N, C-alpha and C. Protein backbone atom coordinates (compact mmCIF):
# COMPACT_ATOMS: atom_id res chain seq x y z
N UNK A 1 119.11 212.51 179.06
CA UNK A 1 119.42 213.19 180.41
C UNK A 1 120.83 212.72 180.72
N UNK A 2 122.17 214.01 180.66
CA UNK A 2 123.43 213.72 180.82
C UNK A 2 123.38 213.06 182.31
N UNK A 3 124.63 211.97 182.64
CA UNK A 3 124.56 211.41 184.06
C UNK A 3 125.55 212.66 184.35
N UNK A 4 125.55 213.08 185.86
CA UNK A 4 126.15 213.50 186.52
C UNK A 4 127.32 213.11 187.02
N UNK A 5 128.52 213.20 187.36
CA UNK A 5 129.93 212.29 187.71
C UNK A 5 129.49 212.33 189.32
N UNK A 6 130.25 211.73 189.75
CA UNK A 6 130.13 211.07 191.26
C UNK A 6 131.17 212.06 192.01
N UNK A 7 130.73 212.58 193.15
CA UNK A 7 131.61 214.00 193.89
C UNK A 7 131.40 213.95 195.27
N UNK A 8 131.77 214.18 196.18
CA UNK A 8 131.77 214.50 197.45
C UNK A 8 131.84 216.28 197.76
N UNK A 9 130.73 216.31 198.10
CA UNK A 9 130.35 217.86 198.35
C UNK A 9 130.67 217.91 199.92
N UNK A 10 131.25 219.15 200.03
CA UNK A 10 132.30 219.93 201.26
C UNK A 10 131.29 221.22 201.84
N UNK A 11 130.16 221.62 202.16
CA UNK A 11 129.48 222.91 202.67
C UNK A 11 130.44 223.39 203.42
N UNK A 12 130.87 224.61 203.00
CA UNK A 12 131.58 225.65 204.32
C UNK A 12 131.20 227.06 204.10
N UNK A 13 130.46 227.47 204.89
CA UNK A 13 129.50 228.82 205.09
C UNK A 13 130.48 229.65 204.93
N UNK A 14 131.61 229.77 204.90
CA UNK A 14 132.57 230.97 205.27
C UNK A 14 133.07 231.07 203.40
N UNK A 15 133.10 230.05 203.03
CA UNK A 15 133.27 230.45 201.01
C UNK A 15 132.21 230.93 200.46
N UNK A 16 132.56 232.00 199.42
CA UNK A 16 131.83 233.06 198.73
C UNK A 16 131.50 232.03 197.18
N UNK A 17 132.04 230.94 197.00
CA UNK A 17 131.77 230.31 195.51
C UNK A 17 132.04 229.09 195.79
N UNK A 18 131.78 228.56 194.56
CA UNK A 18 131.94 227.30 194.49
C UNK A 18 133.26 226.85 193.81
N UNK A 19 133.74 225.85 194.64
CA UNK A 19 135.26 225.26 193.77
C UNK A 19 134.83 223.50 193.67
N UNK A 20 135.71 223.54 192.26
CA UNK A 20 136.05 222.16 192.27
C UNK A 20 137.23 221.57 192.18
N UNK A 21 137.62 220.38 192.74
CA UNK A 21 138.88 220.24 192.97
C UNK A 21 139.14 218.56 192.77
N UNK A 22 140.11 218.19 192.78
CA UNK A 22 139.87 216.46 192.41
C UNK A 22 141.17 216.29 193.73
N UNK A 23 141.14 214.90 194.42
CA UNK A 23 141.95 214.32 195.26
C UNK A 23 142.78 213.76 194.44
N UNK A 24 144.14 212.97 195.17
CA UNK A 24 144.83 212.24 194.21
C UNK A 24 144.53 211.46 193.60
N UNK A 25 143.30 210.49 193.84
CA UNK A 25 142.79 209.25 193.21
C UNK A 25 141.92 209.63 192.06
N UNK A 26 141.80 211.10 191.73
CA UNK A 26 140.92 211.38 190.80
C UNK A 26 139.67 212.29 190.80
N UNK A 27 138.95 211.72 192.08
CA UNK A 27 137.83 211.74 192.49
C UNK A 27 137.35 213.34 192.82
N UNK A 28 136.47 213.51 192.53
CA UNK A 28 135.87 214.96 191.95
C UNK A 28 135.29 215.37 193.55
N UNK A 29 136.06 216.70 194.30
CA UNK A 29 135.53 217.48 195.54
C UNK A 29 135.20 218.74 195.11
N UNK A 30 133.87 219.01 195.83
CA UNK A 30 133.13 219.96 195.55
C UNK A 30 133.08 220.60 197.09
N UNK A 31 133.68 222.24 196.77
CA UNK A 31 133.66 222.84 198.16
C UNK A 31 132.65 224.03 198.03
N UNK A 32 131.69 224.55 198.71
CA UNK A 32 130.88 225.76 198.59
C UNK A 32 130.23 225.83 199.89
N UNK A 33 129.52 227.35 199.59
CA UNK A 33 129.01 227.51 200.59
C UNK A 33 127.63 226.61 200.55
N UNK A 34 126.84 226.93 201.27
CA UNK A 34 125.10 226.64 201.33
C UNK A 34 124.85 226.93 200.26
N UNK A 35 124.65 225.94 199.12
CA UNK A 35 123.67 226.28 197.78
C UNK A 35 122.66 225.19 197.39
N UNK A 36 121.56 226.00 196.61
CA UNK A 36 120.68 224.85 196.28
C UNK A 36 121.35 223.74 195.42
N UNK A 37 120.73 222.40 195.43
CA UNK A 37 121.40 221.34 194.48
C UNK A 37 121.36 221.65 193.51
N UNK A 38 120.36 222.44 192.88
CA UNK A 38 120.53 222.75 191.09
C UNK A 38 121.56 223.43 190.70
N UNK A 39 122.15 224.21 191.76
CA UNK A 39 122.93 225.32 191.22
C UNK A 39 124.64 224.12 191.39
N UNK A 40 124.16 223.20 191.95
CA UNK A 40 126.09 222.50 191.69
C UNK A 40 125.85 221.55 190.30
N UNK A 41 124.07 220.55 189.96
CA UNK A 41 124.03 220.27 188.71
C UNK A 41 124.38 221.13 187.79
N UNK A 42 123.90 222.54 187.68
CA UNK A 42 124.17 223.02 186.66
C UNK A 42 125.36 223.66 186.17
N UNK A 43 126.14 223.29 187.40
CA UNK A 43 128.02 223.46 186.90
C UNK A 43 128.67 222.71 186.64
N UNK A 44 128.05 221.49 187.33
CA UNK A 44 128.82 220.01 186.76
C UNK A 44 128.58 220.00 185.58
N UNK A 45 127.37 220.24 184.80
CA UNK A 45 126.75 219.59 183.30
C UNK A 45 127.80 221.08 182.63
N UNK A 46 127.79 221.91 183.14
CA UNK A 46 128.69 223.37 182.55
C UNK A 46 130.02 222.96 182.54
N UNK A 47 130.48 222.29 183.13
CA UNK A 47 131.69 222.17 183.55
C UNK A 47 132.40 220.73 183.09
N UNK A 48 131.40 219.81 182.53
CA UNK A 48 131.69 218.51 182.26
C UNK A 48 132.74 217.95 181.08
N UNK A 49 133.37 218.97 180.46
CA UNK A 49 134.14 218.80 179.64
C UNK A 49 135.51 218.91 180.85
N UNK A 50 135.75 219.80 181.19
CA UNK A 50 137.23 219.94 182.30
C UNK A 50 137.13 219.09 182.93
N UNK A 51 136.20 218.57 183.86
CA UNK A 51 135.97 217.61 184.65
C UNK A 51 136.72 216.30 184.19
N UNK A 52 136.32 215.71 183.06
CA UNK A 52 136.63 214.54 182.39
C UNK A 52 138.42 214.79 181.99
N UNK A 53 138.22 216.13 181.36
CA UNK A 53 139.97 216.48 181.00
C UNK A 53 140.79 216.16 182.40
N UNK A 54 140.50 217.11 183.49
CA UNK A 54 141.40 217.01 184.64
C UNK A 54 141.32 215.58 185.23
N UNK A 55 140.04 215.03 185.07
CA UNK A 55 140.68 213.37 185.97
C UNK A 55 141.07 213.10 184.95
N UNK A 56 141.51 212.55 183.61
CA UNK A 56 142.27 212.13 183.01
C UNK A 56 143.52 212.27 183.08
N UNK A 57 143.82 213.53 183.46
CA UNK A 57 145.31 213.99 183.70
C UNK A 57 145.79 213.34 184.78
N UNK A 58 144.74 213.35 185.94
CA UNK A 58 145.44 212.85 186.97
C UNK A 58 145.50 211.71 187.46
N UNK A 59 144.58 210.75 186.39
CA UNK A 59 144.63 209.11 186.38
C UNK A 59 146.14 209.11 185.84
N UNK A 60 146.58 209.54 184.95
CA UNK A 60 147.59 209.07 184.48
C UNK A 60 149.04 209.58 184.82
N UNK A 61 148.70 210.24 185.85
CA UNK A 61 150.04 210.80 187.12
C UNK A 61 150.95 209.62 187.68
N UNK A 62 152.42 209.63 187.54
CA UNK A 62 153.00 208.76 188.04
C UNK A 62 153.27 208.74 189.80
N UNK A 63 153.05 207.64 190.57
CA UNK A 63 153.56 207.65 191.60
C UNK A 63 152.28 207.90 192.54
N UNK A 64 151.23 207.15 192.12
CA UNK A 64 149.81 207.61 192.81
C UNK A 64 149.94 206.20 194.03
N UNK A 65 149.00 206.86 194.75
CA UNK A 65 148.99 205.86 195.91
C UNK A 65 148.32 204.38 195.55
N UNK A 66 149.19 203.44 196.45
CA UNK A 66 149.12 201.96 195.82
C UNK A 66 147.32 201.62 196.06
N UNK A 67 147.13 200.83 194.89
CA UNK A 67 145.75 200.18 194.95
C UNK A 67 145.91 198.62 194.71
N UNK A 68 145.74 198.02 196.14
CA UNK A 68 146.24 196.81 196.07
C UNK A 68 145.40 195.50 195.49
N UNK A 69 144.26 196.40 194.55
CA UNK A 69 143.56 195.26 193.96
C UNK A 69 143.62 195.25 192.24
N UNK A 70 144.96 196.01 192.03
CA UNK A 70 145.81 195.80 190.74
C UNK A 70 146.61 195.65 190.60
N UNK A 71 147.22 195.41 189.33
CA UNK A 71 149.03 195.37 189.44
C UNK A 71 149.55 196.38 190.21
N UNK A 72 150.34 196.04 191.42
CA UNK A 72 151.11 196.60 191.81
C UNK A 72 152.82 197.33 191.58
N UNK A 73 153.30 198.89 191.71
CA UNK A 73 154.39 199.04 191.26
C UNK A 73 154.68 200.25 192.28
N UNK A 74 155.66 200.18 192.83
CA UNK A 74 156.19 201.40 193.35
C UNK A 74 157.08 202.27 192.85
N UNK A 75 157.27 203.61 192.70
CA UNK A 75 157.86 204.85 191.91
C UNK A 75 159.29 204.90 193.07
N UNK A 76 160.58 205.00 192.32
CA UNK A 76 161.21 205.27 193.75
C UNK A 76 162.55 205.91 192.68
N UNK A 77 162.94 207.11 192.78
CA UNK A 77 164.07 208.09 192.21
C UNK A 77 163.96 208.07 190.75
N UNK A 78 162.17 208.52 190.67
CA UNK A 78 161.75 208.24 189.08
C UNK A 78 161.76 207.04 188.15
N UNK A 79 161.98 206.01 188.99
CA UNK A 79 161.73 204.54 188.02
C UNK A 79 160.20 203.96 188.68
N UNK A 80 160.06 202.86 187.78
CA UNK A 80 158.50 202.26 188.63
C UNK A 80 159.67 200.55 188.53
N UNK A 81 159.44 200.52 189.73
CA UNK A 81 159.70 199.13 190.17
C UNK A 81 158.36 198.11 190.47
N UNK A 82 158.66 196.89 189.88
CA UNK A 82 157.57 196.00 189.98
C UNK A 82 157.59 195.61 191.89
N UNK A 83 156.24 195.55 192.32
CA UNK A 83 156.06 195.02 193.77
C UNK A 83 155.12 193.85 194.03
N UNK A 84 155.85 192.78 194.94
CA UNK A 84 155.04 191.98 194.66
C UNK A 84 154.88 191.15 196.51
N UNK A 85 153.62 190.93 196.93
CA UNK A 85 153.31 190.43 197.99
C UNK A 85 153.21 189.26 198.21
N UNK A 86 154.45 188.75 199.41
CA UNK A 86 154.88 187.24 199.67
C UNK A 86 154.49 186.92 201.26
N UNK A 87 153.57 185.68 201.22
CA UNK A 87 153.11 185.22 202.42
C UNK A 87 154.13 184.54 203.23
N UNK A 88 154.47 185.24 204.02
CA UNK A 88 155.86 184.14 204.82
C UNK A 88 155.39 184.10 206.56
N UNK A 89 156.06 182.86 207.17
CA UNK A 89 156.01 182.68 208.36
C UNK A 89 156.35 183.55 209.41
N UNK A 90 156.99 184.43 209.41
CA UNK A 90 157.28 185.18 210.18
C UNK A 90 155.94 186.20 210.59
N UNK A 91 155.80 186.91 211.71
CA UNK A 91 154.35 187.92 212.21
C UNK A 91 154.57 188.97 211.56
N UNK A 92 156.28 189.56 211.67
CA UNK A 92 156.60 191.09 211.29
C UNK A 92 156.29 190.98 209.33
N UNK A 93 155.86 192.57 209.47
CA UNK A 93 156.18 192.70 207.51
C UNK A 93 157.44 193.12 207.42
N UNK A 94 157.90 193.18 206.32
CA UNK A 94 159.26 193.08 205.81
C UNK A 94 159.37 193.44 204.23
N UNK A 95 159.65 194.92 204.10
CA UNK A 95 159.84 195.41 202.77
C UNK A 95 161.66 195.17 202.16
N UNK A 96 161.43 194.48 201.09
CA UNK A 96 162.80 194.25 200.79
C UNK A 96 163.12 195.50 199.33
N UNK A 97 164.07 195.56 199.00
CA UNK A 97 164.28 196.33 197.85
C UNK A 97 166.03 195.87 197.26
N UNK A 98 166.03 195.10 196.00
CA UNK A 98 166.99 194.32 195.38
C UNK A 98 167.55 195.38 194.53
N UNK A 99 167.09 196.59 194.29
CA UNK A 99 167.85 197.48 193.06
C UNK A 99 166.67 196.85 191.36
N UNK A 100 165.84 195.98 191.68
CA UNK A 100 165.10 195.64 190.30
C UNK A 100 163.84 195.60 190.93
N UNK A 101 163.24 195.00 191.74
CA UNK A 101 162.20 194.96 192.80
C UNK A 101 161.77 194.97 193.74
N UNK A 102 160.60 195.38 194.53
CA UNK A 102 160.17 195.53 195.69
C UNK A 102 159.69 194.34 195.80
N UNK A 103 159.78 193.61 197.07
CA UNK A 103 159.22 192.15 197.42
C UNK A 103 159.10 192.68 199.29
N UNK A 104 157.38 192.80 199.45
CA UNK A 104 156.73 192.92 200.62
C UNK A 104 156.02 191.31 201.24
N UNK A 105 157.20 190.79 202.18
CA UNK A 105 156.72 190.02 203.01
C UNK A 105 156.18 190.15 204.17
N UNK A 106 154.91 189.00 204.60
CA UNK A 106 153.79 189.72 205.20
C UNK A 106 153.07 188.37 205.66
N UNK A 107 152.36 188.38 207.05
CA UNK A 107 151.97 187.25 207.57
C UNK A 107 150.42 187.24 207.84
N UNK A 108 149.97 188.52 207.89
CA UNK A 108 148.40 188.65 207.85
C UNK A 108 148.23 190.05 206.81
N UNK A 109 147.32 189.79 206.15
CA UNK A 109 146.86 190.86 204.65
C UNK A 109 146.40 192.05 205.96
N UNK A 110 147.05 193.38 205.78
CA UNK A 110 146.74 194.15 205.94
C UNK A 110 147.55 195.41 205.37
N UNK A 111 146.29 196.25 204.59
CA UNK A 111 146.78 197.06 203.57
C UNK A 111 147.36 198.58 204.54
N UNK A 112 146.98 198.97 205.63
CA UNK A 112 147.48 199.96 206.54
C UNK A 112 148.79 199.75 206.93
N UNK A 113 149.02 198.56 207.45
CA UNK A 113 150.15 198.13 207.74
C UNK A 113 151.42 197.89 207.12
N UNK A 114 150.59 197.97 205.66
CA UNK A 114 151.79 197.86 204.27
C UNK A 114 152.45 199.12 203.96
N UNK A 115 150.95 199.87 204.05
CA UNK A 115 151.54 201.49 203.87
C UNK A 115 152.22 201.74 204.17
N UNK A 116 152.12 201.70 205.75
CA UNK A 116 153.11 202.00 206.76
C UNK A 116 154.53 201.82 206.64
N UNK A 117 154.71 200.66 205.98
CA UNK A 117 156.02 200.38 205.71
C UNK A 117 156.43 201.07 204.37
N UNK A 118 155.78 201.17 203.18
CA UNK A 118 156.07 201.87 202.18
C UNK A 118 156.61 203.08 202.44
N UNK A 119 155.93 203.81 203.55
CA UNK A 119 156.03 205.33 203.62
C UNK A 119 157.28 205.51 204.43
N UNK A 120 157.52 204.33 205.57
CA UNK A 120 158.74 204.34 206.32
C UNK A 120 160.28 204.43 205.57
N UNK A 121 159.69 203.43 204.20
CA UNK A 121 160.93 203.42 203.43
C UNK A 121 161.26 204.60 202.60
N UNK A 122 160.50 205.43 201.88
CA UNK A 122 160.34 207.08 201.60
C UNK A 122 161.24 207.60 202.62
N UNK A 123 160.68 207.55 203.89
CA UNK A 123 161.39 208.57 204.83
C UNK A 123 162.67 208.54 204.95
N UNK A 124 163.27 206.80 205.13
CA UNK A 124 164.43 206.84 205.72
C UNK A 124 165.02 207.04 204.18
N UNK A 125 164.81 206.98 202.90
CA UNK A 125 165.55 207.15 201.78
C UNK A 125 165.76 208.95 202.10
N UNK A 126 164.72 209.68 201.91
CA UNK A 126 164.38 210.72 202.22
C UNK A 126 165.50 211.52 202.76
N UNK A 127 165.52 211.15 204.34
CA UNK A 127 166.72 211.34 205.29
C UNK A 127 168.18 211.27 205.04
N UNK A 128 168.27 210.48 203.95
CA UNK A 128 169.63 209.70 203.49
C UNK A 128 170.01 210.54 202.29
N UNK A 129 169.25 211.51 201.35
CA UNK A 129 169.53 211.53 200.26
C UNK A 129 169.36 213.27 200.01
N UNK A 130 168.17 213.95 200.99
CA UNK A 130 167.83 215.06 200.78
C UNK A 130 169.38 215.89 201.16
N UNK A 131 169.45 215.93 202.51
CA UNK A 131 170.35 216.76 203.32
C UNK A 131 171.46 216.75 202.28
N UNK A 132 171.77 215.93 201.77
CA UNK A 132 173.17 215.83 200.56
C UNK A 132 172.73 216.91 199.79
N UNK A 133 171.26 216.86 199.29
CA UNK A 133 170.95 218.36 197.96
C UNK A 133 171.32 219.32 198.68
N UNK A 134 170.74 219.66 200.00
CA UNK A 134 170.87 220.77 200.58
C UNK A 134 171.99 221.25 200.63
N UNK A 135 172.65 220.39 201.62
CA UNK A 135 174.13 220.81 201.47
C UNK A 135 175.13 221.24 200.41
N UNK A 136 174.95 220.60 199.31
CA UNK A 136 175.60 220.92 197.91
C UNK A 136 175.27 222.15 197.56
N UNK A 137 173.33 222.67 197.40
CA UNK A 137 173.25 223.21 197.03
C UNK A 137 173.08 224.60 198.02
N UNK A 138 173.09 224.43 198.87
CA UNK A 138 172.98 225.25 200.16
C UNK A 138 174.84 226.37 200.04
N UNK A 139 175.62 225.10 199.43
CA UNK A 139 176.70 226.03 199.50
C UNK A 139 177.26 226.79 198.33
N UNK A 140 176.28 226.09 197.37
CA UNK A 140 176.58 226.37 196.10
C UNK A 140 175.61 228.14 195.88
N UNK A 141 174.69 228.23 196.77
CA UNK A 141 173.53 229.23 196.39
C UNK A 141 174.22 230.31 198.27
N UNK A 142 174.78 229.89 198.91
CA UNK A 142 175.00 230.58 199.78
C UNK A 142 174.09 231.04 200.99
N UNK A 143 173.47 229.79 200.99
CA UNK A 143 171.80 229.89 201.74
C UNK A 143 171.75 228.41 202.74
N UNK A 144 171.56 229.20 203.97
CA UNK A 144 171.59 227.46 204.91
C UNK A 144 170.45 227.65 205.73
N UNK A 145 169.70 226.52 205.72
CA UNK A 145 168.09 226.41 206.43
C UNK A 145 168.78 226.24 208.07
N UNK A 146 167.79 226.50 208.52
CA UNK A 146 167.96 226.46 210.46
C UNK A 146 167.62 224.94 210.66
N UNK A 147 167.39 224.37 209.75
CA UNK A 147 166.80 222.96 210.42
C UNK A 147 165.85 222.43 209.27
N UNK A 148 166.19 221.11 209.07
CA UNK A 148 165.31 219.98 207.80
C UNK A 148 164.34 219.18 209.03
N UNK A 149 162.97 219.09 208.03
CA UNK A 149 161.98 218.27 208.53
C UNK A 149 161.57 217.47 207.59
N UNK A 150 161.25 216.32 207.65
CA UNK A 150 160.62 215.34 206.45
C UNK A 150 159.22 214.81 206.93
N UNK A 151 158.31 214.77 206.08
CA UNK A 151 156.71 213.93 206.44
C UNK A 151 156.32 213.97 205.78
N UNK A 152 155.56 213.11 205.57
CA UNK A 152 154.66 212.64 204.59
C UNK A 152 153.27 213.65 204.33
N UNK A 153 153.03 214.44 202.80
CA UNK A 153 151.66 215.36 203.29
C UNK A 153 151.19 214.85 201.76
N UNK A 154 150.33 216.10 201.89
CA UNK A 154 149.25 215.45 200.32
C UNK A 154 148.92 216.39 199.40
N UNK A 155 149.99 217.64 199.62
CA UNK A 155 149.83 218.47 199.14
C UNK A 155 151.15 219.18 198.29
N UNK A 156 151.98 219.80 199.39
CA UNK A 156 153.09 220.31 199.00
C UNK A 156 154.25 219.10 198.84
N UNK A 157 155.19 219.77 197.94
CA UNK A 157 156.52 218.76 197.95
C UNK A 157 157.42 219.31 199.14
N UNK A 158 157.20 220.97 199.11
CA UNK A 158 158.42 221.41 200.26
C UNK A 158 158.09 222.48 200.60
N UNK A 159 158.49 223.09 201.73
CA UNK A 159 158.14 224.15 202.06
C UNK A 159 159.11 225.29 202.99
N UNK A 160 159.44 226.29 203.34
CA UNK A 160 160.42 227.13 204.17
C UNK A 160 159.45 227.85 205.07
N UNK A 161 159.97 228.04 206.06
CA UNK A 161 159.19 228.64 206.88
C UNK A 161 159.41 230.09 207.31
N UNK A 162 159.39 230.81 207.88
CA UNK A 162 159.50 232.20 207.89
C UNK A 162 161.24 232.63 208.72
N UNK A 163 161.46 231.31 209.59
CA UNK A 163 162.38 231.16 210.46
C UNK A 163 163.65 230.10 209.74
N UNK A 164 163.19 229.73 208.43
CA UNK A 164 164.08 229.19 207.42
C UNK A 164 164.18 227.44 207.63
N UNK A 165 163.37 227.26 208.37
CA UNK A 165 163.23 225.83 208.25
C UNK A 165 162.56 224.97 207.07
N UNK A 166 163.12 224.08 206.78
CA UNK A 166 163.09 223.49 205.23
C UNK A 166 162.09 221.99 205.68
N UNK A 167 160.84 222.12 204.85
CA UNK A 167 160.39 220.99 205.34
C UNK A 167 159.93 219.79 203.85
N UNK A 168 160.46 218.84 203.98
CA UNK A 168 160.38 218.26 202.60
C UNK A 168 159.78 216.96 202.40
N UNK A 169 158.50 216.59 201.59
CA UNK A 169 157.46 215.62 201.94
C UNK A 169 158.35 214.47 201.39
N UNK A 170 158.24 213.25 202.02
CA UNK A 170 159.29 212.17 201.86
C UNK A 170 158.53 211.26 200.74
N UNK A 171 157.56 211.93 200.18
CA UNK A 171 157.34 210.96 198.80
C UNK A 171 157.81 211.87 197.65
N UNK A 172 159.01 212.82 198.24
CA UNK A 172 159.53 213.24 196.57
C UNK A 172 160.79 212.31 196.36
N UNK A 173 160.98 211.03 197.30
CA UNK A 173 161.82 209.88 196.82
C UNK A 173 161.10 209.02 195.61
N UNK A 174 160.07 209.32 195.22
CA UNK A 174 159.51 209.09 193.81
C UNK A 174 160.02 209.76 192.41
N UNK A 175 160.42 210.77 192.92
CA UNK A 175 160.50 211.65 191.87
C UNK A 175 162.01 211.29 191.14
N UNK A 176 162.65 211.77 189.91
CA UNK A 176 163.52 211.84 189.40
C UNK A 176 164.80 212.42 190.05
N UNK A 177 165.90 211.86 189.86
CA UNK A 177 167.17 213.03 190.48
C UNK A 177 166.76 214.50 190.24
N UNK A 178 166.74 214.85 189.33
CA UNK A 178 166.78 216.25 188.90
C UNK A 178 165.45 216.89 189.26
N UNK A 179 164.69 216.42 189.35
CA UNK A 179 163.55 216.83 189.69
C UNK A 179 163.59 216.97 191.83
N UNK A 180 164.13 216.18 192.00
CA UNK A 180 164.45 216.29 193.44
C UNK A 180 165.37 217.52 193.83
N UNK A 181 166.26 217.83 192.59
CA UNK A 181 167.31 218.49 193.02
C UNK A 181 166.82 219.92 192.85
N UNK A 182 165.58 220.25 191.61
CA UNK A 182 164.86 221.44 191.41
C UNK A 182 164.17 221.84 192.80
N UNK A 183 163.50 220.95 193.26
CA UNK A 183 162.43 220.89 194.84
C UNK A 183 163.55 221.46 195.73
N UNK A 184 164.88 220.88 195.94
CA UNK A 184 165.67 221.35 196.97
C UNK A 184 165.97 222.91 196.74
N UNK A 185 166.32 223.39 195.34
CA UNK A 185 166.95 224.28 195.13
C UNK A 185 165.96 225.33 195.17
N UNK A 186 164.69 225.49 195.07
CA UNK A 186 163.39 226.06 195.16
C UNK A 186 163.28 226.33 196.84
N UNK A 187 163.31 225.39 197.50
CA UNK A 187 162.68 226.00 199.01
C UNK A 187 164.14 226.81 199.28
N UNK A 188 165.51 226.35 198.77
CA UNK A 188 166.59 227.14 199.60
C UNK A 188 166.33 228.62 199.02
N UNK A 189 166.19 228.97 197.86
CA UNK A 189 165.43 230.05 197.44
C UNK A 189 164.70 230.76 198.08
N UNK A 190 163.99 230.24 198.64
CA UNK A 190 162.78 230.75 199.92
C UNK A 190 163.51 231.23 201.16
N UNK A 191 164.45 231.10 201.38
CA UNK A 191 165.44 231.60 202.50
C UNK A 191 165.71 232.91 202.06
N UNK A 192 166.12 233.30 201.05
CA UNK A 192 166.42 234.52 200.51
C UNK A 192 165.25 235.71 200.18
N UNK A 193 164.38 234.67 199.35
CA UNK A 193 162.85 235.17 198.78
C UNK A 193 161.86 234.58 199.09
N UNK A 194 160.95 235.55 200.11
CA UNK A 194 159.41 234.43 200.82
C UNK A 194 158.57 234.64 199.73
N UNK A 195 158.41 234.68 198.86
CA UNK A 195 157.61 234.78 197.45
C UNK A 195 157.59 233.84 196.32
N UNK A 196 156.62 234.24 195.55
CA UNK A 196 157.14 233.70 193.76
C UNK A 196 157.12 234.52 193.12
N UNK A 197 157.81 235.56 193.22
CA UNK A 197 157.96 236.90 192.15
C UNK A 197 159.29 236.70 191.28
N UNK A 198 159.15 237.73 190.72
CA UNK A 198 160.72 237.63 189.60
C UNK A 198 162.17 237.73 190.34
N UNK A 199 162.57 238.25 191.35
CA UNK A 199 163.72 237.71 191.98
C UNK A 199 163.82 236.41 192.40
N UNK A 200 163.08 235.82 192.97
CA UNK A 200 162.86 234.23 193.38
C UNK A 200 162.98 233.31 191.98
N UNK A 201 162.29 233.97 191.30
CA UNK A 201 162.51 233.05 189.79
C UNK A 201 163.78 233.09 189.31
N UNK A 202 164.40 234.41 189.34
CA UNK A 202 165.49 234.73 188.65
C UNK A 202 166.80 233.68 189.41
N UNK A 203 166.97 233.90 190.12
CA UNK A 203 167.84 232.98 191.82
C UNK A 203 167.42 231.60 191.42
N UNK A 204 166.21 230.72 191.34
CA UNK A 204 165.81 229.50 190.82
C UNK A 204 166.97 229.23 189.40
N UNK A 205 166.53 230.33 188.45
CA UNK A 205 167.19 230.13 187.08
C UNK A 205 168.61 230.23 187.15
N UNK A 206 169.20 230.97 187.88
CA UNK A 206 170.52 231.46 188.15
C UNK A 206 170.93 229.85 188.21
N UNK A 207 170.90 229.20 189.05
CA UNK A 207 171.66 228.13 189.49
C UNK A 207 170.86 226.84 189.21
N UNK A 208 169.50 226.57 188.22
CA UNK A 208 169.22 225.57 187.46
C UNK A 208 168.31 226.24 186.04
N UNK A 209 168.97 226.50 185.16
CA UNK A 209 169.19 226.98 184.17
C UNK A 209 167.62 226.19 183.38
N UNK A 210 167.39 224.87 183.36
CA UNK A 210 166.44 224.21 182.87
C UNK A 210 165.24 223.86 184.16
N UNK A 211 165.02 224.76 184.93
CA UNK A 211 164.28 224.60 185.83
C UNK A 211 162.82 224.30 185.64
N UNK A 212 162.24 224.78 184.65
CA UNK A 212 161.29 224.90 183.86
C UNK A 212 160.72 223.55 183.38
N UNK A 213 161.57 222.72 182.58
CA UNK A 213 162.06 221.19 182.17
C UNK A 213 161.32 220.49 183.65
N UNK A 214 162.41 220.95 184.35
CA UNK A 214 161.80 220.11 185.96
C UNK A 214 160.23 220.34 186.55
N UNK A 215 159.92 221.41 186.46
CA UNK A 215 158.47 221.98 186.80
C UNK A 215 157.45 221.02 185.90
N UNK A 216 157.77 220.91 184.53
CA UNK A 216 156.85 219.97 184.15
C UNK A 216 156.86 218.55 183.75
N UNK A 217 157.78 218.25 184.32
CA UNK A 217 158.09 216.89 184.75
C UNK A 217 157.78 216.43 185.97
N UNK A 218 157.58 217.69 186.94
CA UNK A 218 156.99 217.27 188.66
C UNK A 218 155.31 217.15 188.43
N UNK A 219 154.87 217.75 187.05
CA UNK A 219 153.60 217.59 186.82
C UNK A 219 152.97 216.22 186.72
N UNK A 220 154.04 215.54 186.27
CA UNK A 220 153.82 214.00 185.98
C UNK A 220 153.26 213.19 187.17
N UNK A 221 153.64 213.43 188.30
CA UNK A 221 153.67 212.98 189.93
C UNK A 221 152.09 213.42 190.31
N UNK A 222 152.34 212.77 191.51
CA UNK A 222 151.10 213.06 192.27
C UNK A 222 152.01 212.44 193.82
N UNK A 223 151.77 213.65 194.61
CA UNK A 223 151.74 213.16 196.01
C UNK A 223 151.39 211.98 196.77
């Protein structure tokens, strides 16, 4: 008898079908209306190959959330840098980056506090670098956002509101420069085209002819 994979099952009566998805760590999540357990098990057996292949791809992605039980590294601007945790006498946590490695100095071991410092580092860097890209490409494309927002999100790298407010995921700072540039151009293009139809992609390609290369590279990273 085949062993079924571990999963989290979320029952939503509003759904009409069963959906299989994964979180950033590669954990299987099933969303469905209320259905018999037998139906879930049948689907898992049928999709076993797809589940294994999809999980492998996710686990190979770069920039995954830190796992403090394994070797630590932080991605910054497309490069993986070693991260060392060092105990010190001062009570405050301090994150240093010297261009070659990250060092986190701490007094009390607290993974949630550590993560907050990493998130703060990415947000500061995003607020420092991304407005430059927006101003540069906004001038070239003759498009201007009404406002810029920066926050950590689990799904989207960026978005454009109906009022042309551009929101950028601070985790973008994990990505290579060229991919950051692509996301910037992508969101600026939404100021003119609020869709992903032909006109939108033509505008993106006009300013970034190799955008498909950047789209493929982006698939190697997780938020």
